[in-house]
Amino acid sequence: MASVAQAIRMALHYGEKNLGVKDIFGQDVGAPLGGVFTATQGLKTAWNTPLDERGIISVAMGIAMTGDRCVAEIQFADYIFNTMDLLKIAGNTLWCTNGQTSLPMVVMTPVGAGIFGSVYHSHSFDAWASRLPGWKIVMPSNPLDAYGLMLAAIKDPNPVLYLKSKALMRHKGEELIPGEPSDEKILKSMIDKPVQNSVGWRPRWPDLEEYTVPIGVGKITRKGEHITVVTYSRMVSLCVEAADKLAPEGISVEVIDLRSIYPYDWSMIKNSVEKTGRVLFVNEDTEVTNFGEHLSYRITQELFYQLQARPRVLASKNLPGIGLSPNLERNSVPQYNDIEMVIREIVAEVP
């Protein structure tokens, strides 16, 4: 099975071969590295930029304004914050030009903790991204969705932020990408650059097929009756693990993987919460002005009389940063035990 990094790489190859992607660029995106997580390794249209986040976004906007499709990478989301005004302009362009100028650009950047990256490599960006009108925002939790969401992002006529979890880049999935060899060793020999003796190396791409995940459509990864857990990206596997552990105790947990932050699948959330009467929102962004707070507010406004317990948000602590020590990170960002404990608390609440 492909890893998330391999899935993104294969999606980008499909994009440059079949969907008109002419430029894939960013810091260390091209040869010889092919991205810090190897997600752009071996791609024909990949090239390296200077260490200039504002320049990267500006170039992407210029390419997109000509009608060409491009994928730009900010090496880590921790360094995207000095481009916020440019991202705002990119999101406003279609509206400001009265529909005359589309920007078919994808900006991908690794987000979140989980790699013990300390203060400068542990930021999340989903809450910030959700406040950028005009952008679609996707956050895959597994390789198949990583592939399908990237193809959907490339095909979209307007800006898409593709937020990939740093901690999931080596995560392998349970479902094959269409066209992917079933033997992961064969896939590795085909598309992974060897560590040694790599002079003259070229990838041998599998015969990949088109597979898209519609932006704005979530997925129920576990069905349940007693509580709804809404999450995305790295937290999905932890929430599913909690659901599986609690099931033998008679606690039935429904887990929703949103897959898209905006637009998000409100009908899926609404139908699930109407059924369970309880809801927990889980993500690893900081708890103040968290995207889960918006969802919790909307639940309270629209489904107040269907609720059996107060909505809860489980997120990272509102700290200036995350420390390098594993203990500091684990006590700053939601962990499996935190998710299980809060689920138990919500289910135990009496209406």
Protein backbone atom coordinates (compact mmCIF):
# COMPACT_ATOMS: atom_id res chain seq x y z
CA MET A 1 0.00 0.00 0.00
CA ALA A 2 1.20 3.50 -0.84
CA SER A 3 2.10 6.01 1.85
CA VAL A 4 0.50 9.45 1.90
CA ALA A 5 3.70 10.94 0.43
CA GLN A 6 3.69 8.39 -2.40
CA ALA A 7 -0.03 8.99 -3.01
CA ILE A 8 0.53 12.75 -3.36
CA ARG A 9 3.46 12.12 -5.68
CA MET A 10 1.40 9.82 -7.89
CA ALA A 11 -1.48 12.31 -7.94
CA LEU A 12 0.86 15.09 -9.01
CA HIS A 13 2.31 12.87 -11.74
CA TYR A 14 -1.22 12.14 -12.94
CA GLY A 15 -1.93 15.85 -12.85
CA GLU A 16 1.06 16.84 -14.97
CA LYS A 17 0.41 14.00 -17.43
CA ASN A 18 -3.37 14.28 -17.78
CA LEU A 19 -4.76 17.43 -16.14
CA GLY A 20 -2.59 20.21 -17.53
CA VAL A 21 -0.35 20.88 -14.52
CA LYS A 22 2.65 22.76 -15.94
CA ASP A 23 4.47 23.84 -12.79
CA ILE A 24 5.06 22.19 -9.40
CA PHE A 25 7.37 24.34 -7.32
CA GLY A 26 8.60 25.40 -3.90
CA GLN A 27 11.64 25.13 -1.67
CA ASP A 28 13.49 21.83 -2.42
CA VAL A 29 10.49 20.61 -4.42
CA GLY A 30 12.57 19.75 -7.49
CA ALA A 31 15.70 17.64 -7.84
CA PRO A 32 17.65 16.41 -6.04
CA LEU A 33 15.49 16.29 -2.89
CA GLY A 34 11.95 16.15 -4.28
CA GLY A 35 10.42 17.73 -1.20
CA VAL A 36 11.30 17.35 2.47
CA PHE A 37 8.83 14.45 2.64
CA THR A 38 9.66 13.22 -0.93
CA ALA A 39 6.13 14.02 -2.10
CA THR A 40 7.41 15.68 -5.31
CA GLN A 41 10.22 13.27 -6.12
CA GLY A 42 10.73 12.41 -9.80
CA LEU A 43 8.13 14.81 -11.20
CA LYS A 44 8.89 16.31 -14.62
CA THR A 45 7.50 19.77 -13.94
CA ALA A 46 8.92 20.20 -10.40
CA TRP A 47 11.42 22.98 -9.80
CA ASN A 48 13.10 24.70 -6.87
CA THR A 49 12.43 28.25 -5.70
CA PRO A 50 14.42 30.52 -3.41
CA LEU A 51 13.53 30.55 0.27
CA ASP A 52 10.74 33.07 -0.30
CA GLU A 53 7.19 32.17 0.70
CA ARG A 54 5.74 35.43 -0.61
CA GLY A 55 7.49 34.88 -3.92
CA ILE A 56 6.10 31.33 -4.17
CA ILE A 57 2.49 32.46 -3.64
CA SER A 58 2.92 35.44 -5.97
CA VAL A 59 4.32 33.24 -8.76
CA ALA A 60 1.46 30.76 -8.30
CA MET A 61 -1.06 33.58 -8.61
CA GLY A 62 0.62 34.88 -11.75
CA ILE A 63 0.71 31.46 -13.39
CA ALA A 64 -2.94 30.84 -12.48
CA MET A 65 -4.02 34.24 -13.82
CA THR A 66 -2.78 33.18 -17.25
CA GLY A 67 -5.07 30.15 -17.07
CA ASP A 68 -2.32 27.56 -16.47
CA ARG A 69 -2.62 25.07 -13.64
CA CYS A 70 0.09 24.92 -10.98
CA VAL A 71 0.81 23.39 -7.59
CA ALA A 72 2.93 25.44 -5.19
CA GLU A 73 4.32 24.20 -1.90
CA ILE A 74 5.13 26.12 1.25
CA GLN A 75 7.66 23.80 2.85
CA PHE A 76 6.01 23.95 6.30
CA ALA A 77 2.77 25.70 7.28
CA ASP A 78 4.73 27.35 10.09
CA TYR A 79 6.15 29.71 7.43
CA ILE A 80 2.97 30.50 5.49
CA PHE A 81 1.80 33.23 7.84
CA ASN A 82 3.75 35.99 6.09
CA THR A 83 1.68 35.33 2.95
CA MET A 84 -1.76 35.89 4.49
CA ASP A 85 -2.43 39.10 2.55
CA LEU A 86 -1.56 37.35 -0.72
CA LEU A 87 -3.75 34.36 0.12
CA LYS A 88 -6.59 36.79 0.84
CA ILE A 89 -6.12 38.44 -2.57
CA ALA A 90 -6.01 35.06 -4.31
CA GLY A 91 -9.27 34.09 -2.65
CA ASN A 92 -10.91 37.41 -3.54
CA THR A 93 -9.85 37.51 -7.20
CA LEU A 94 -12.84 35.74 -8.76
CA TRP A 95 -15.27 37.90 -6.79
CA CYS A 96 -13.35 41.14 -7.38
CA THR A 97 -13.24 40.54 -11.15
CA ASN A 98 -16.96 39.73 -11.28
CA GLY A 99 -16.21 36.15 -12.30
CA GLN A 100 -13.80 37.05 -15.09
CA THR A 101 -10.55 35.76 -13.57
CA SER A 102 -10.24 32.27 -12.10
CA LEU A 103 -7.13 31.09 -10.31
CA PRO A 104 -6.65 27.32 -10.88
CA MET A 105 -3.89 27.04 -8.28
CA VAL A 106 -3.20 24.55 -5.50
CA VAL A 107 -1.12 25.51 -2.48
CA MET A 108 -0.02 22.54 -0.44
CA THR A 109 1.76 22.71 2.88
CA PRO A 110 2.51 20.23 5.70
CA VAL A 111 0.62 21.03 8.90
CA GLY A 112 0.34 19.99 12.51
CA ALA A 113 2.43 18.28 15.12
CA GLY A 114 3.33 14.62 15.60
CA ILE A 115 6.93 14.79 14.38
CA PHE A 116 8.31 16.51 17.49
CA GLY A 117 9.21 19.55 15.43
CA SER A 118 9.14 22.02 18.32
CA VAL A 119 8.11 25.66 17.98
CA TYR A 120 8.97 26.13 14.29
CA HIS A 121 7.62 22.91 12.77
CA SER A 122 4.43 22.06 14.70
CA HIS A 123 1.85 24.68 13.71
CA SER A 124 -1.60 23.84 12.45
CA PHE A 125 -3.25 26.05 9.85
CA ASP A 126 -6.83 24.80 9.46
CA ALA A 127 -8.50 27.49 11.60
CA TRP A 128 -6.57 30.26 9.84
CA ALA A 129 -7.37 28.72 6.44
CA SER A 130 -11.09 28.54 7.22
CA ARG A 131 -11.12 32.34 7.50
CA LEU A 132 -9.86 32.87 3.92
CA PRO A 133 -12.97 33.45 1.76
CA GLY A 134 -12.70 32.15 -1.78
CA TRP A 135 -10.47 29.19 -0.92
CA LYS A 136 -11.43 25.55 -0.65
CA ILE A 137 -9.50 23.68 2.04
CA VAL A 138 -8.88 19.93 2.09
CA MET A 139 -7.15 17.76 4.71
CA PRO A 140 -6.76 14.05 3.84
CA SER A 141 -6.37 11.38 6.51
CA ASN A 142 -5.19 8.47 4.35
CA PRO A 143 -3.37 7.79 1.04
CA LEU A 144 -6.44 7.09 -1.11
CA ASP A 145 -8.09 10.34 -0.03
CA ALA A 146 -4.76 12.13 -0.44
CA TYR A 147 -4.71 11.01 -4.08
CA GLY A 148 -8.39 11.72 -4.74
CA LEU A 149 -8.42 15.13 -3.05
CA MET A 150 -5.28 16.23 -4.91
CA LEU A 151 -6.88 15.39 -8.27
CA ALA A 152 -10.04 17.25 -7.23
CA ALA A 153 -7.92 20.23 -6.14
CA ILE A 154 -6.00 20.31 -9.42
CA LYS A 155 -9.21 20.16 -11.47
CA ASP A 156 -10.89 22.94 -9.48
CA PRO A 157 -10.94 26.30 -11.33
CA ASN A 158 -10.21 28.28 -8.18
CA PRO A 159 -7.70 28.26 -5.30
CA VAL A 160 -7.44 25.17 -3.12
CA LEU A 161 -5.36 24.81 0.04
CA TYR A 162 -4.12 21.24 0.39
CA LEU A 163 -3.13 20.75 4.02
CA LYS A 164 -1.20 17.51 4.52
CA SER A 165 -0.36 16.23 7.98
CA LYS A 166 3.37 16.06 8.69
CA ALA A 167 2.84 13.03 10.91
CA LEU A 168 0.86 11.13 8.24
CA MET A 169 3.32 11.42 5.36
CA ARG A 170 4.71 7.92 5.97
CA HIS A 171 1.31 6.50 6.95
CA LYS A 172 0.13 3.64 4.73
CA GLY A 173 -3.49 3.06 3.82
CA GLU A 174 -5.82 0.09 3.67
CA GLU A 175 -7.12 0.70 0.12
CA LEU A 176 -5.20 0.64 -3.14
CA ILE A 177 -5.03 3.72 -5.32
CA PRO A 178 -6.45 2.82 -8.76
CA GLY A 179 -3.49 1.61 -10.82
CA GLU A 180 -1.18 1.16 -7.83
CA PRO A 181 0.72 -2.18 -7.65
CA SER A 182 -0.60 -4.37 -4.85
CA ASP A 183 2.95 -5.11 -3.64
CA GLU A 184 4.34 -2.05 -1.84
CA LYS A 185 7.91 -3.22 -2.51
CA ILE A 186 7.23 -3.09 -6.24
CA LEU A 187 5.78 0.40 -5.90
CA LYS A 188 8.82 1.52 -3.93
CA SER A 189 11.18 0.14 -6.58
CA MET A 190 9.22 2.01 -9.25
CA ILE A 191 8.78 5.50 -7.82
CA ASP A 192 11.09 5.95 -4.78
CA LYS A 193 14.50 7.40 -5.51
CA PRO A 194 17.19 5.07 -4.10
CA VAL A 195 19.21 6.49 -1.23
CA GLN A 196 22.44 5.25 -2.82
CA ASN A 197 23.50 5.01 -6.47
CA SER A 198 20.76 7.38 -7.62
CA VAL A 199 22.68 9.03 -10.46
CA GLY A 200 20.50 9.03 -13.56
CA TRP A 201 17.48 7.65 -11.68
CA ARG A 202 14.07 8.12 -13.26
CA PRO A 203 10.75 6.89 -11.83
CA ARG A 204 8.75 4.18 -13.60
CA TRP A 205 5.21 5.39 -12.98
CA PRO A 206 2.42 2.80 -12.67
CA ASP A 207 -0.56 3.04 -15.01
CA LEU A 208 -2.55 5.30 -12.71
CA GLU A 209 -6.26 5.93 -13.11
CA GLU A 210 -8.37 8.98 -12.40
CA TYR A 211 -9.95 8.92 -8.96
CA THR A 212 -11.32 12.01 -7.28
CA VAL A 213 -12.79 12.70 -3.86
CA PRO A 214 -15.36 15.51 -4.23
CA ILE A 215 -14.36 18.54 -2.19
CA GLY A 216 -16.93 19.13 0.53
CA VAL A 217 -18.01 15.50 0.93
CA GLY A 218 -17.18 13.79 4.22
CA LYS A 219 -16.97 10.10 5.04
CA ILE A 220 -18.38 8.09 7.93
CA THR A 221 -15.45 5.89 8.95
CA ARG A 222 -17.29 4.17 11.83
CA LYS A 223 -21.06 3.98 12.31
CA GLY A 224 -22.48 4.52 15.78
CA GLU A 225 -25.59 5.40 17.76
CA HIS A 226 -24.56 7.13 21.01
CA ILE A 227 -22.21 9.97 20.00
CA THR A 228 -20.88 11.65 16.85
CA VAL A 229 -17.17 12.48 16.65
CA VAL A 230 -16.30 14.92 13.86
CA THR A 231 -12.64 15.13 12.91
CA TYR A 232 -10.15 15.19 10.05
CA SER A 233 -6.51 14.57 9.08
CA ARG A 234 -4.26 12.97 11.73
CA MET A 235 -6.96 12.81 14.39
CA VAL A 236 -9.15 10.44 12.33
CA SER A 237 -7.15 7.31 13.12
CA LEU A 238 -7.07 8.18 16.84
CA CYS A 239 -10.85 8.71 16.92
CA VAL A 240 -11.46 5.44 15.07
CA GLU A 241 -9.18 3.66 17.54
CA ALA A 242 -11.19 5.09 20.42
CA ALA A 243 -14.45 4.03 18.77
CA ASP A 244 -13.19 0.49 18.30
CA LYS A 245 -12.01 0.24 21.90
CA LEU A 246 -15.26 1.56 23.36
CA ALA A 247 -17.54 -0.64 21.22
CA PRO A 248 -17.20 -3.79 23.39
CA GLU A 249 -18.31 -1.71 26.39
CA GLY A 250 -21.55 -0.82 24.62
CA ILE A 251 -20.52 2.73 23.71
CA SER A 252 -21.35 3.16 20.03
CA VAL A 253 -19.33 5.97 18.44
CA GLU A 254 -19.95 7.38 14.96
CA VAL A 255 -16.79 8.89 13.46
CA ILE A 256 -16.97 11.41 10.62
CA ASP A 257 -13.87 12.26 8.60
CA LEU A 258 -14.70 15.68 7.16
CA ARG A 259 -11.90 15.50 4.55
CA SER A 260 -12.72 19.12 3.60
CA ILE A 261 -12.64 22.08 5.99
CA TYR A 262 -14.40 24.30 3.48
CA PRO A 263 -16.85 23.61 2.08
CA TYR A 264 -17.68 21.08 4.78
CA ASP A 265 -20.32 18.35 4.75
CA TRP A 266 -22.93 19.94 7.00
CA SER A 267 -25.68 17.52 5.96
CA MET A 268 -23.57 14.55 7.11
CA ILE A 269 -22.83 16.21 10.45
CA LYS A 270 -26.45 17.28 10.93
CA ASN A 271 -27.92 13.85 10.13
CA SER A 272 -25.48 12.12 12.45
CA VAL A 273 -26.03 14.47 15.39
CA GLU A 274 -29.80 14.27 14.97
CA LYS A 275 -29.40 10.50 15.35
CA THR A 276 -26.95 10.42 18.28
CA GLY A 277 -27.84 13.61 20.17
CA ARG A 278 -24.22 14.06 21.23
CA VAL A 279 -21.19 15.47 19.41
CA LEU A 280 -17.47 15.94 19.90
CA PHE A 281 -15.25 17.90 17.52
CA VAL A 282 -11.58 16.86 17.52
CA ASN A 283 -8.61 18.52 15.83
CA GLU A 284 -5.07 19.58 16.67
CA ASP A 285 -5.28 23.32 16.08
CA THR A 286 -5.30 25.55 19.17
CA GLU A 287 -8.50 25.66 21.18
CA VAL A 288 -9.15 29.44 20.96
CA THR A 289 -10.90 30.46 17.69
CA ASN A 290 -10.74 26.83 16.62
CA PHE A 291 -12.63 25.66 13.52
CA GLY A 292 -14.43 23.15 15.75
CA GLU A 293 -15.88 26.09 17.68
CA HIS A 294 -17.67 27.24 14.53
CA LEU A 295 -19.15 23.77 14.05
CA SER A 296 -20.15 23.61 17.69
CA TYR A 297 -21.84 27.01 17.42
CA ARG A 298 -23.77 25.92 14.34
CA ILE A 299 -24.86 22.71 16.06
CA THR A 300 -26.13 24.72 19.01
CA GLN A 301 -27.99 27.16 16.77
CA GLU A 302 -29.64 24.62 14.48
CA LEU A 303 -29.93 21.42 16.54
CA PHE A 304 -30.26 22.67 20.11
CA TYR A 305 -33.47 20.76 20.87
CA GLN A 306 -32.07 17.50 19.45
CA LEU A 307 -29.04 17.54 21.76
CA GLN A 308 -28.78 15.20 24.74
CA ALA A 309 -25.51 16.76 25.96
CA ARG A 310 -23.55 19.95 25.37
CA PRO A 311 -21.30 19.93 22.26
CA ARG A 312 -17.59 19.67 23.06
CA VAL A 313 -14.40 20.65 21.24
CA LEU A 314 -11.15 18.81 21.93
CA ALA A 315 -8.17 20.69 20.51
CA SER A 316 -4.60 21.69 21.30
CA LYS A 317 -3.91 23.92 24.26
CA ASN A 318 -3.69 27.65 23.55
CA LEU A 319 0.07 27.94 23.98
CA PRO A 320 2.61 30.14 22.16
CA GLY A 321 4.22 27.00 20.77
CA ILE A 322 4.85 23.30 21.21
CA GLY A 323 7.99 22.21 23.03
CA LEU A 324 10.61 19.86 21.58
CA SER A 325 10.30 17.30 24.36
CA PRO A 326 7.89 14.45 23.47
CA ASN A 327 6.20 14.97 26.84
CA LEU A 328 5.58 18.64 26.06
CA GLU A 329 4.09 17.85 22.66
CA ARG A 330 1.90 15.02 23.95
CA ASN A 331 0.55 17.28 26.69
CA SER A 332 -0.16 20.09 24.22
CA VAL A 333 -1.88 18.19 21.39
CA PRO A 334 -4.86 15.78 21.78
CA GLN A 335 -3.82 12.17 22.23
CA TYR A 336 -5.78 8.92 22.12
CA ASN A 337 -6.39 8.89 25.89
CA ASP A 338 -7.80 12.43 25.76
CA ILE A 339 -10.28 11.45 23.05
CA GLU A 340 -11.44 8.35 24.90
CA MET A 341 -11.86 10.26 28.17
CA VAL A 342 -13.96 13.07 26.64
CA ILE A 343 -16.17 10.59 24.75
CA ARG A 344 -16.87 8.80 28.04
CA GLU A 345 -17.69 12.12 29.74
CA ILE A 346 -20.14 13.18 27.01
CA VAL A 347 -21.90 9.81 26.89
CA ALA A 348 -22.24 9.86 30.68
CA GLU A 349 -23.99 13.26 30.68
CA VAL A 350 -27.65 13.02 31.61
CA PRO A 351 -30.07 15.22 29.60
